[in-house]
PDB file of all heavy atoms in Angstrom:
ATOM      1  N   TRP A   1       8.137   8.448 -57.628  1.00  0.00           N
ATOM      2  CA  TRP A   1       8.950   9.656 -57.796  1.00  0.00           C
ATOM      3  C   TRP A   1       8.191  10.870 -57.279  1.00  0.00           C
ATOM      4  O   TRP A   1       7.026  11.084 -57.609  1.00  0.00           O
ATOM      5  CB  TRP A   1       9.270   9.824 -59.279  1.00  0.00           C
ATOM      6  CG  TRP A   1      10.236  10.933 -59.588  1.00  0.00           C
ATOM      7  CD1 TRP A   1      11.579  10.865 -59.589  1.00  0.00           C
ATOM      8  CD2 TRP A   1       9.894  12.277 -59.960  1.00  0.00           C
ATOM      9  NE1 TRP A   1      12.131  12.064 -59.947  1.00  0.00           N
ATOM     10  CE2 TRP A   1      11.104  12.968 -60.174  1.00  0.00           C
ATOM     11  CE3 TRP A   1       8.682  12.958 -60.132  1.00  0.00           C
ATOM     12  CZ2 TRP A   1      11.147  14.301 -60.551  1.00  0.00           C
ATOM     13  CZ3 TRP A   1       8.740  14.290 -60.499  1.00  0.00           C
ATOM     14  CH2 TRP A   1       9.945  14.957 -60.703  1.00  0.00           C
ATOM     15  N   GLN A   2       8.841  11.669 -56.423  1.00  0.00           N
ATOM     16  CA  GLN A   2       8.188  12.807 -55.765  1.00  0.00           C
ATOM     17  C   GLN A   2       8.661  14.130 -56.384  1.00  0.00           C
ATOM     18  O   GLN A   2       9.859  14.426 -56.429  1.00  0.00           O
ATOM     19  CB  GLN A   2       8.502  12.810 -54.260  1.00  0.00           C
ATOM     20  CG  GLN A   2       7.996  11.583 -53.518  1.00  0.00           C
ATOM     21  CD  GLN A   2       6.483  11.546 -53.473  1.00  0.00           C
ATOM     22  OE1 GLN A   2       5.817  12.565 -53.296  1.00  0.00           O
ATOM     23  NE2 GLN A   2       5.937  10.345 -53.650  1.00  0.00           N
ATOM     24  N   TYR A   3       7.687  14.912 -56.847  1.00  0.00           N
ATOM     25  CA  TYR A   3       7.978  16.233 -57.414  1.00  0.00           C
ATOM     26  C   TYR A   3       8.614  17.152 -56.370  1.00  0.00           C
ATOM     27  O   TYR A   3       9.533  17.919 -56.656  1.00  0.00           O
ATOM     28  CB  TYR A   3       6.679  16.840 -57.955  1.00  0.00           C
ATOM     29  CG  TYR A   3       6.824  18.233 -58.511  1.00  0.00           C
ATOM     30  CD1 TYR A   3       7.552  18.464 -59.690  1.00  0.00           C
ATOM     31  CD2 TYR A   3       6.232  19.335 -57.871  1.00  0.00           C
ATOM     32  CE1 TYR A   3       7.680  19.744 -60.208  1.00  0.00           C
ATOM     33  CE2 TYR A   3       6.365  20.607 -58.381  1.00  0.00           C
ATOM     34  CZ  TYR A   3       7.088  20.813 -59.551  1.00  0.00           C
ATOM     35  OH  TYR A   3       7.226  22.085 -60.055  1.00  0.00           O
ATOM     36  N   LYS A   4       8.134  17.068 -55.118  1.00  0.00           N
ATOM     37  CA  LYS A   4       8.632  17.914 -54.024  1.00  0.00           C
ATOM     38  C   LYS A   4      10.130  17.690 -53.801  1.00  0.00           C
ATOM     39  O   LYS A   4      10.881  18.612 -53.501  1.00  0.00           O
ATOM     40  CB  LYS A   4       7.863  17.600 -52.744  1.00  0.00           C
ATOM     41  CG  LYS A   4       8.045  18.625 -51.639  1.00  0.00           C
ATOM     42  CD  LYS A   4       6.876  19.586 -51.616  1.00  0.00           C
ATOM     43  CE  LYS A   4       6.946  20.512 -50.427  1.00  0.00           C
ATOM     44  NZ  LYS A   4       5.936  21.563 -50.495  1.00  0.00           N
ATOM     45  N   GLU A   5      10.569  16.426 -53.934  1.00  0.00           N
ATOM     46  CA  GLU A   5      11.983  16.089 -53.727  1.00  0.00           C
ATOM     47  C   GLU A   5      12.843  16.718 -54.826  1.00  0.00           C
ATOM     48  O   GLU A   5      13.952  17.184 -54.564  1.00  0.00           O
ATOM     49  CB  GLU A   5      12.156  14.562 -53.727  1.00  0.00           C
ATOM     50  CG  GLU A   5      13.510  14.079 -53.256  1.00  0.00           C
ATOM     51  CD  GLU A   5      13.767  14.328 -51.775  1.00  0.00           C
ATOM     52  OE1 GLU A   5      12.793  14.331 -50.982  1.00  0.00           O
ATOM     53  OE2 GLU A   5      14.938  14.551 -51.419  1.00  0.00           O
ATOM     54  N   ALA A   6      12.305  16.731 -56.044  1.00  0.00           N
ATOM     55  CA  ALA A   6      13.055  17.311 -57.169  1.00  0.00           C
ATOM     56  C   ALA A   6      13.150  18.831 -57.066  1.00  0.00           C
ATOM     57  O   ALA A   6      14.054  19.442 -57.648  1.00  0.00           O
ATOM     58  CB  ALA A   6      12.388  16.916 -58.480  1.00  0.00           C
ATOM     59  N   GLN A   7      12.236  19.440 -56.335  1.00  0.00           N
ATOM     60  CA  GLN A   7      12.211  20.903 -56.208  1.00  0.00           C
ATOM     61  C   GLN A   7      13.268  21.453 -55.252  1.00  0.00           C
ATOM     62  O   GLN A   7      13.573  22.646 -55.285  1.00  0.00           O
ATOM     63  CB  GLN A   7      10.835  21.355 -55.704  1.00  0.00           C
ATOM     64  CG  GLN A   7       9.722  21.272 -56.723  1.00  0.00           C
ATOM     65  CD  GLN A   7       8.436  21.815 -56.111  1.00  0.00           C
ATOM     66  OE1 GLN A   7       7.813  21.160 -55.265  1.00  0.00           O
ATOM     67  NE2 GLN A   7       8.041  23.009 -56.541  1.00  0.00           N
ATOM     68  N   LYS A   8      13.811  20.628 -54.371  1.00  0.00           N
ATOM     69  CA  LYS A   8      14.707  21.111 -53.300  1.00  0.00           C
ATOM     70  C   LYS A   8      15.943  21.804 -53.882  1.00  0.00           C
ATOM     71  O   LYS A   8      16.618  21.261 -54.761  1.00  0.00           O
ATOM     72  CB  LYS A   8      15.147  19.945 -52.419  1.00  0.00           C
ATOM     73  CG  LYS A   8      14.049  19.399 -51.523  1.00  0.00           C
ATOM     74  CD  LYS A   8      14.592  18.287 -50.637  1.00  0.00           C
ATOM     75  CE  LYS A   8      13.510  17.729 -49.706  1.00  0.00           C
ATOM     76  NZ  LYS A   8      14.026  16.610 -48.880  1.00  0.00           N
ATOM     77  N   ASN A   9      16.222  22.973 -53.336  1.00  0.00           N
ATOM     78  CA  ASN A   9      17.419  23.715 -53.745  1.00  0.00           C
ATOM     79  C   ASN A   9      18.626  23.283 -52.916  1.00  0.00           C
ATOM     80  O   ASN A   9      18.496  22.937 -51.738  1.00  0.00           O
ATOM     81  CB  ASN A   9      17.202  25.219 -53.581  1.00  0.00           C
ATOM     82  CG  ASN A   9      16.230  25.770 -54.606  1.00  0.00           C
ATOM     83  OD1 ASN A   9      16.190  25.291 -55.744  1.00  0.00           O
ATOM     84  ND2 ASN A   9      15.439  26.767 -54.213  1.00  0.00           N
ATOM     85  N   LEU A  10      19.812  23.365 -53.528  1.00  0.00           N
ATOM     86  CA  LEU A  10      21.038  22.920 -52.848  1.00  0.00           C
ATOM     87  C   LEU A  10      22.245  23.622 -53.456  1.00  0.00           C
ATOM     88  O   LEU A  10      22.156  24.244 -54.526  1.00  0.00           O
ATOM     89  CB  LEU A  10      21.183  21.394 -52.978  1.00  0.00           C
ATOM     90  CG  LEU A  10      20.968  20.757 -54.363  1.00  0.00           C
ATOM     91  CD1 LEU A  10      22.204  20.885 -55.242  1.00  0.00           C
ATOM     92  CD2 LEU A  10      20.575  19.301 -54.224  1.00  0.00           C
ATOM     93  N   LEU A  11      23.372  23.542 -52.745  1.00  0.00           N
ATOM     94  CA  LEU A  11      24.652  23.953 -53.332  1.00  0.00           C
ATOM     95  C   LEU A  11      25.104  22.798 -54.218  1.00  0.00           C
ATOM     96  O   LEU A  11      25.221  21.669 -53.734  1.00  0.00           O
ATOM     97  CB  LEU A  11      25.692  24.223 -52.244  1.00  0.00           C
ATOM     98  CG  LEU A  11      25.485  25.469 -51.387  1.00  0.00           C
ATOM     99  CD1 LEU A  11      26.554  25.540 -50.300  1.00  0.00           C
ATOM    100  CD2 LEU A  11      25.525  26.732 -52.234  1.00  0.00           C
ATOM    101  N   ARG A  12      25.341  23.065 -55.485  1.00  0.00           N
ATOM    102  CA  ARG A  12      25.580  21.968 -56.422  1.00  0.00           C
ATOM    103  C   ARG A  12      26.725  21.073 -55.946  1.00  0.00           C
ATOM    104  O   ARG A  12      27.768  21.554 -55.485  1.00  0.00           O
ATOM    105  CB  ARG A  12      25.880  22.514 -57.814  1.00  0.00           C
ATOM    106  CG  ARG A  12      27.181  23.287 -57.912  1.00  0.00           C
ATOM    107  CD  ARG A  12      27.374  23.858 -59.294  1.00  0.00           C
ATOM    108  NE  ARG A  12      28.626  24.611 -59.361  1.00  0.00           N
ATOM    109  CZ  ARG A  12      28.857  25.597 -60.195  1.00  0.00           C
ATOM    110  NH1 ARG A  12      27.927  25.991 -61.034  1.00  0.00           N
ATOM    111  NH2 ARG A  12      30.014  26.209 -60.212  1.00  0.00           N
ATOM    112  N   THR A  13      26.499  19.775 -56.080  1.00  0.00           N
ATOM    113  CA  THR A  13      27.509  18.807 -55.645  1.00  0.00           C
ATOM    114  C   THR A  13      28.466  18.446 -56.769  1.00  0.00           C
ATOM    115  O   THR A  13      29.492  17.814 -56.531  1.00  0.00           O
ATOM    116  CB  THR A  13      26.844  17.518 -55.109  1.00  0.00           C
ATOM    117  OG1 THR A  13      26.084  16.921 -56.164  1.00  0.00           O
ATOM    118  CG2 THR A  13      25.925  17.834 -53.943  1.00  0.00           C
ATOM    119  N   HIS A  14      28.131  18.807 -57.991  1.00  0.00           N
ATOM    120  CA  HIS A  14      29.009  18.598 -59.152  1.00  0.00           C
ATOM    121  C   HIS A  14      28.550  19.519 -60.285  1.00  0.00           C
ATOM    122  O   HIS A  14      27.396  19.953 -60.326  1.00  0.00           O
ATOM    123  CB  HIS A  14      29.007  17.133 -59.615  1.00  0.00           C
ATOM    124  CG  HIS A  14      27.635  16.525 -59.716  1.00  0.00           C
ATOM    125  ND1 HIS A  14      27.416  15.172 -59.697  1.00  0.00           N
ATOM    126  CD2 HIS A  14      26.398  17.083 -59.820  1.00  0.00           C
ATOM    127  CE1 HIS A  14      26.107  14.923 -59.790  1.00  0.00           C
ATOM    128  NE2 HIS A  14      25.491  16.068 -59.867  1.00  0.00           N
ATOM    129  N   THR A  15      29.474  19.801 -61.188  1.00  0.00           N
ATOM    130  CA  THR A  15      29.118  20.635 -62.347  1.00  0.00           C
ATOM    131  C   THR A  15      28.445  19.803 -63.435  1.00  0.00           C
ATOM    132  O   THR A  15      28.104  20.341 -64.503  1.00  0.00           O
ATOM    133  CB  THR A  15      30.367  21.339 -62.912  1.00  0.00           C
ATOM    134  OG1 THR A  15      31.403  20.372 -63.104  1.00  0.00           O
ATOM    135  CG2 THR A  15      30.856  22.428 -61.978  1.00  0.00           C
ATOM    136  N   THR A  16      28.217  18.507 -63.178  1.00  0.00           N
ATOM    137  CA  THR A  16      27.487  17.664 -64.131  1.00  0.00           C
ATOM    138  C   THR A  16      26.055  18.157 -64.299  1.00  0.00           C
ATOM    139  O   THR A  16      25.416  17.903 -65.322  1.00  0.00           O
ATOM    140  CB  THR A  16      27.502  16.193 -63.668  1.00  0.00           C
ATOM    141  OG1 THR A  16      28.829  15.860 -63.235  1.00  0.00           O
ATOM    142  CG2 THR A  16      27.103  15.250 -64.783  1.00  0.00           C
ATOM    143  N   ALA A  17      25.551  18.871 -63.286  1.00  0.00           N
ATOM    144  CA  ALA A  17      24.232  19.486 -63.418  1.00  0.00           C
ATOM    145  C   ALA A  17      24.218  20.476 -64.588  1.00  0.00           C
ATOM    146  O   ALA A  17      23.235  20.575 -65.343  1.00  0.00           O
ATOM    147  CB  ALA A  17      23.853  20.197 -62.127  1.00  0.00           C
ATOM    148  N   VAL A  18      25.335  21.210 -64.777  1.00  0.00           N
ATOM    149  CA  VAL A  18      25.445  22.139 -65.900  1.00  0.00           C
ATOM    150  C   VAL A  18      25.522  21.357 -67.210  1.00  0.00           C
ATOM    151  O   VAL A  18      24.929  21.731 -68.224  1.00  0.00           O
ATOM    152  CB  VAL A  18      26.675  23.052 -65.732  1.00  0.00           C
ATOM    153  CG1 VAL A  18      26.770  24.052 -66.882  1.00  0.00           C
ATOM    154  CG2 VAL A  18      26.632  23.775 -64.395  1.00  0.00           C
ATOM    155  N   SER A  19      26.266  20.236 -67.181  1.00  0.00           N
ATOM    156  CA  SER A  19      26.368  19.390 -68.380  1.00  0.00           C
ATOM    157  C   SER A  19      24.988  18.892 -68.804  1.00  0.00           C
ATOM    158  O   SER A  19      24.666  18.839 -70.002  1.00  0.00           O
ATOM    159  CB  SER A  19      27.296  18.206 -68.116  1.00  0.00           C
ATOM    160  OG  SER A  19      28.583  18.639 -67.749  1.00  0.00           O
ATOM    161  N   ALA A  20      24.144  18.511 -67.821  1.00  0.00           N
ATOM    162  CA  ALA A  20      22.791  18.036 -68.129  1.00  0.00           C
ATOM    163  C   ALA A  20      21.983  19.133 -68.814  1.00  0.00           C
ATOM    164  O   ALA A  20      21.269  18.880 -69.805  1.00  0.00           O
ATOM    165  CB  ALA A  20      22.102  17.578 -66.847  1.00  0.00           C
ATOM    166  N   ARG A  21      22.103  20.366 -68.311  1.00  0.00           N
ATOM    167  CA  ARG A  21      21.382  21.492 -68.928  1.00  0.00           C
ATOM    168  C   ARG A  21      21.839  21.700 -70.372  1.00  0.00           C
ATOM    169  O   ARG A  21      21.029  21.947 -71.272  1.00  0.00           O
ATOM    170  CB  ARG A  21      21.618  22.772 -68.122  1.00  0.00           C
ATOM    171  CG  ARG A  21      20.910  22.836 -66.783  1.00  0.00           C
ATOM    172  CD  ARG A  21      21.246  24.159 -66.092  1.00  0.00           C
ATOM    173  NE  ARG A  21      20.646  24.262 -64.767  1.00  0.00           N
ATOM    174  CZ  ARG A  21      19.438  24.759 -64.533  1.00  0.00           C
ATOM    175  NH1 ARG A  21      18.691  25.184 -65.538  1.00  0.00           N
ATOM    176  NH2 ARG A  21      18.981  24.845 -63.290  1.00  0.00           N
ATOM    177  N   MET A  22      23.171  21.639 -70.607  1.00  0.00           N
ATOM    178  CA  MET A  22      23.719  21.882 -71.943  1.00  0.00           C
ATOM    179  C   MET A  22      23.332  20.774 -72.918  1.00  0.00           C
ATOM    180  O   MET A  22      23.049  21.027 -74.091  1.00  0.00           O
ATOM    181  CB  MET A  22      25.246  22.010 -71.854  1.00  0.00           C
ATOM    182  CG  MET A  22      25.728  23.189 -71.018  1.00  0.00           C
ATOM    183  SD  MET A  22      25.136  24.803 -71.602  1.00  0.00           S
ATOM    184  CE  MET A  22      26.030  24.932 -73.138  1.00  0.00           C
ATOM    185  N   LEU A  23      23.301  19.506 -72.422  1.00  0.00           N
ATOM    186  CA  LEU A  23      22.901  18.394 -73.285  1.00  0.00           C
ATOM    187  C   LEU A  23      21.413  18.502 -73.649  1.00  0.00           C
ATOM    188  O   LEU A  23      21.013  18.223 -74.790  1.00  0.00           O
ATOM    189  CB  LEU A  23      23.198  17.065 -72.594  1.00  0.00           C
ATOM    190  CG  LEU A  23      24.687  16.690 -72.474  1.00  0.00           C
ATOM    191  CD1 LEU A  23      24.861  15.476 -71.577  1.00  0.00           C
ATOM    192  CD2 LEU A  23      25.289  16.417 -73.855  1.00  0.00           C
ATOM    193  N   TYR A  24      20.591  18.903 -72.665  1.00  0.00           N
ATOM    194  CA  TYR A  24      19.166  19.092 -72.936  1.00  0.00           C
ATOM    195  C   TYR A  24      18.968  20.193 -73.980  1.00  0.00           C
ATOM    196  O   TYR A  24      18.152  20.068 -74.908  1.00  0.00           O
ATOM    197  CB  TYR A  24      18.432  19.443 -71.648  1.00  0.00           C
ATOM    198  CG  TYR A  24      16.984  19.818 -71.867  1.00  0.00           C
ATOM    199  CD1 TYR A  24      16.025  18.844 -72.164  1.00  0.00           C
ATOM    200  CD2 TYR A  24      16.572  21.149 -71.804  1.00  0.00           C
ATOM    201  CE1 TYR A  24      14.698  19.190 -72.395  1.00  0.00           C
ATOM    202  CE2 TYR A  24      15.262  21.509 -72.015  1.00  0.00           C
ATOM    203  CZ  TYR A  24      14.319  20.519 -72.313  1.00  0.00           C
ATOM    204  OH  TYR A  24      13.015  20.861 -72.545  1.00  0.00           O
ATOM    205  N   LYS A  25      19.773  21.275 -73.857  1.00  0.00           N
ATOM    206  CA  LYS A  25      19.683  22.385 -74.813  1.00  0.00           C
ATOM    207  C   LYS A  25      20.081  21.910 -76.216  1.00  0.00           C
ATOM    208  O   LYS A  25      19.447  22.267 -77.223  1.00  0.00           O
ATOM    209  CB  LYS A  25      20.597  23.528 -74.350  1.00  0.00           C
ATOM    210  CG  LYS A  25      20.547  24.759 -75.238  1.00  0.00           C
ATOM    211  CD  LYS A  25      21.471  25.848 -74.672  1.00  0.00           C
ATOM    212  CE  LYS A  25      21.469  27.074 -75.577  1.00  0.00           C
ATOM    213  NZ  LYS A  25      22.385  28.123 -75.063  1.00  0.00           N
ATOM    214  N   ALA A  26      21.146  21.058 -76.291  1.00  0.00           N
ATOM    215  CA  ALA A  26      21.594  20.540 -77.595  1.00  0.00           C
ATOM    216  C   ALA A  26      20.542  19.632 -78.215  1.00  0.00           C
ATOM    217  O   ALA A  26      20.378  19.595 -79.444  1.00  0.00           O
ATOM    218  CB  ALA A  26      22.910  19.784 -77.424  1.00  0.00           C
ATOM    219  N   ALA A  27      19.794  18.893 -77.350  1.00  0.00           N
ATOM    220  CA  ALA A  27      18.768  17.975 -77.857  1.00  0.00           C
ATOM    221  C   ALA A  27      17.570  18.706 -78.442  1.00  0.00           C
ATOM    222  O   ALA A  27      16.794  18.114 -79.202  1.00  0.00           O
ATOM    223  CB  ALA A  27      18.326  17.043 -76.732  1.00  0.00           C
ATOM    224  N   GLN A  28      17.402  19.983 -78.093  1.00  0.00           N
ATOM    225  CA  GLN A  28      16.247  20.739 -78.583  1.00  0.00           C
ATOM    226  C   GLN A  28      16.498  21.357 -79.959  1.00  0.00           C
ATOM    227  O   GLN A  28      15.587  21.933 -80.559  1.00  0.00           O
ATOM    228  CB  GLN A  28      15.873  21.856 -77.584  1.00  0.00           C
ATOM    229  CG  GLN A  28      15.695  21.403 -76.142  1.00  0.00           C
ATOM    230  CD  GLN A  28      14.897  20.119 -75.998  1.00  0.00           C
ATOM    231  OE1 GLN A  28      13.740  20.034 -76.441  1.00  0.00           O
ATOM    232  NE2 GLN A  28      15.506  19.120 -75.382  1.00  0.00           N
ATOM    233  N   GLN A  29      17.738  21.232 -80.457  1.00  0.00           N
ATOM    234  CA  GLN A  29      18.041  21.786 -81.774  1.00  0.00           C
ATOM    235  C   GLN A  29      17.393  20.933 -82.864  1.00  0.00           C
ATOM    236  O   GLN A  29      17.230  19.716 -82.714  1.00  0.00           O
ATOM    237  CB  GLN A  29      19.559  21.834 -81.979  1.00  0.00           C
ATOM    238  CG  GLN A  29      20.313  22.646 -80.938  1.00  0.00           C
ATOM    239  CD  GLN A  29      19.829  24.067 -80.830  1.00  0.00           C
ATOM    240  OE1 GLN A  29      19.630  24.752 -81.854  1.00  0.00           O
ATOM    241  NE2 GLN A  29      19.596  24.526 -79.602  1.00  0.00           N
ATOM    242  N   PRO A  30      17.018  21.549 -84.006  1.00  0.00           N
ATOM    243  CA  PRO A  30      16.374  20.786 -85.097  1.00  0.00           C
ATOM    244  C   PRO A  30      17.212  19.599 -85.555  1.00  0.00           C
ATOM    245  O   PRO A  30      16.687  18.531 -85.852  1.00  0.00           O
ATOM    246  CB  PRO A  30      16.218  21.823 -86.210  1.00  0.00           C
ATOM    247  CG  PRO A  30      16.246  23.143 -85.506  1.00  0.00           C
ATOM    248  CD  PRO A  30      17.129  22.987 -84.329  1.00  0.00           C
ATOM    249  N   LYS A  31      18.526  19.780 -85.647  1.00  0.00           N
ATOM    250  CA  LYS A  31      19.414  18.690 -86.037  1.00  0.00           C
ATOM    251  C   LYS A  31      20.576  18.641 -85.061  1.00  0.00           C
ATOM    252  O   LYS A  31      21.226  19.667 -84.806  1.00  0.00           O
ATOM    253  CB  LYS A  31      19.917  18.890 -87.461  1.00  0.00           C
ATOM    254  CG  LYS A  31      20.761  17.714 -87.963  1.00  0.00           C
ATOM    255  CD  LYS A  31      21.211  17.921 -89.399  1.00  0.00           C
ATOM    256  CE  LYS A  31      22.067  16.735 -89.857  1.00  0.00           C
ATOM    257  NZ  LYS A  31      22.554  16.909 -91.248  1.00  0.00           N
ATOM    258  N   PHE A  32      20.833  17.460 -84.518  1.00  0.00           N
ATOM    259  CA  PHE A  32      21.915  17.334 -83.523  1.00  0.00           C
ATOM    260  C   PHE A  32      23.282  17.530 -84.169  1.00  0.00           C
ATOM    261  O   PHE A  32      23.569  16.984 -85.233  1.00  0.00           O
ATOM    262  CB  PHE A  32      21.864  15.949 -82.846  1.00  0.00           C
ATOM    263  CG  PHE A  32      23.053  15.689 -81.953  1.00  0.00           C
ATOM    264  CD1 PHE A  32      23.129  16.262 -80.696  1.00  0.00           C
ATOM    265  CD2 PHE A  32      24.115  14.907 -82.399  1.00  0.00           C
ATOM    266  CE1 PHE A  32      24.231  16.045 -79.881  1.00  0.00           C
ATOM    267  CE2 PHE A  32      25.212  14.679 -81.590  1.00  0.00           C
ATOM    268  CZ  PHE A  32      25.273  15.250 -80.323  1.00  0.00           C
ATOM    269  N   LYS A  33      24.134  18.322 -83.498  1.00  0.00           N
ATOM    270  CA  LYS A  33      25.518  18.506 -83.923  1.00  0.00           C
ATOM    271  C   LYS A  33      26.435  18.059 -82.786  1.00  0.00           C
ATOM    272  O   LYS A  33      26.203  18.415 -81.625  1.00  0.00           O
ATOM    273  CB  LYS A  33      25.787  19.980 -84.239  1.00  0.00           C
ATOM    274  CG  LYS A  33      25.043  20.499 -85.452  1.00  0.00           C
ATOM    275  CD  LYS A  33      25.387  21.964 -85.690  1.00  0.00           C
ATOM    276  CE  LYS A  33      24.617  22.512 -86.899  1.00  0.00           C
ATOM    277  NZ  LYS A  33      24.921  23.950 -87.133  1.00  0.00           N
ATOM    278  N   PRO A  34      27.479  17.274 -83.083  1.00  0.00           N
ATOM    279  CA  PRO A  34      28.413  16.837 -82.025  1.00  0.00           C
ATOM    280  C   PRO A  34      28.982  18.040 -81.279  1.00  0.00           C
ATOM    281  O   PRO A  34      29.278  19.076 -81.872  1.00  0.00           O
ATOM    282  CB  PRO A  34      29.503  16.088 -82.796  1.00  0.00           C
ATOM    283  CG  PRO A  34      28.825  15.622 -84.049  1.00  0.00           C
ATOM    284  CD  PRO A  34      27.837  16.704 -84.397  1.00  0.00           C
ATOM    285  N   ILE A  35      29.156  17.865 -79.990  1.00  0.00           N
ATOM    286  CA  ILE A  35      29.665  18.961 -79.150  1.00  0.00           C
ATOM    287  C   ILE A  35      30.750  18.445 -78.205  1.00  0.00           C
ATOM    288  O   ILE A  35      30.753  17.280 -77.801  1.00  0.00           O
ATOM    289  CB  ILE A  35      28.541  19.628 -78.330  1.00  0.00           C
ATOM    290  CG1 ILE A  35      27.763  18.589 -77.497  1.00  0.00           C
ATOM    291  CG2 ILE A  35      27.627  20.431 -79.208  1.00  0.00           C
ATOM    292  CD1 ILE A  35      26.743  19.197 -76.561  1.00  0.00           C
TER     293      ILE A  35
END
């Protein structure tokens, strides 16, 4: 796995990238709540 490849900027190909950010944010809460 290459860090350089993960760094590349792009025009998003799907809004699932936003979903990943929101799920990661929900996982950081002290207690998980369904969303």
